[in-house]
Amino acid sequence: MHHIPIEGIPSRNPVLPGSGIAGLVYRRRACFLTVLLIPAAVIVFLLSVASGRYAIPLGEIFSVIAGRGEGISRRISAIVLNVRIPRGAAALLAGMGLSASGAAYQSLFRNPMASPDILGAAAGASFGAALGILINQGNAAIQFLAFVGGIAAVGLTCLINGIVNRRQPGLIMLLLSGMAVGGLFTALVSVVKYFADPDNQLPALTFWLMGGLAGVEGGQVRTAGIIIVLCLLIMHFKRWTLNLLSFEDDESQSMGVSLRREQGIVIILSTLLCSASISLCGPVGWVGLLVPHTARMLAGSNNRDMFPLAVLLGGIYMMIMDDIARNAAMVEIPLGILTALIGAPFFIVLLFRGNYFKE
């Protein structure tokens, strides 16, 4: 399998921490941080539910959740159960899904620049949602079309790769196919925007494409949540596969790995995670690229330790970003703008470090 240079930055094979002192330090740090981040995620979630234009005390939130809200107004109960809990859960799930997908693709492609949209899932999901808005569908239908669009885009990418590169399927052709399919669906989104009603449909479409969790409903969260949680569980138990896929083909096969099958499983799981997450929050960038980097700097390249940390960091990061989006200004800031404003400077810091991207 080949190295994949992207945007002039050379790829590098992840070096798994060994059994020596460095590996032990990484593992202990990863275990400590993972245990620490589990209650941290719960605390951030509760603070997300409590914060907003109308602050709600934690005691009232616990009473509403426990069903003992006799002395609490129906308005407060409705805000907690129908607005803030679904929104907080959506942020948590979407952040976890995007981070897991990004971590998996970075191991699969052996490249720190790989992100969840590398095979066209984000562009396909955007086209599906744009189509739903154009034909005046409700939130549930838009979410479904976004999910199907993401899967269809990656399916088309794999189909093109299989046709073009039948003799010896490789990740370079898969990457190039993903770039072509992503460009195609991006152009289709522009076509939909051109024909959209400028008074109603175009503003709704533009806002969705900037990313955000405004208006997310409990049913949407449950549907996407089932997919995300199941895929995360499967991916968690296949972390060893991500480690083996990080090596060259010959090395992976010598360890008894069915390379094509395992690559296919990782692509399917990552596509489902990415599509389900985008169907909730829109095409929010940088999360699936930078959160795995952060986890890798803290826990090393071994997915056994790094993957759970990346998942937790992604969920917490997305909840914090959504809290800022809701509360930082009089009007809600699109989530995609915030993640880019924070993600781009952080990436520049990584570039200045230099040695992080060296072979």
Foldseek 3Di string as FASTA:
>chain_A
DDWDDDPNFTFAQFDFDDPDPVQVQLQVLLVVLLVVLVVVLVVLLLVQLQDFPHGDDSVCLVCLVVVNNPVPDPVNSCSNPWPRNLLLLLLLLLQLLQQLLLLLVCLLNRGLQGGLCLQQLQLQLLLQLLVCLQVPHDLVSSLVRSLVRSVVSNVQLVVVQCVVPVPDRDVNSSSVSSVVSNVVSNVSSVVSLVPGDPPPSNVVSVLLQLWAQPPFGPVLSVVLVVLSVVLLVVCLVCLVVSSLSSDDPVSSVVVVDPNVVSSVSSNVSSSSSNSSSCSRINPAPLSNNVLLVVLCVSNNSRSNSSSSSSSSSSSSVSSVLNSCQRPVDPHGDHSNVSSCVVRVVVVVVVVVVVVVSDD
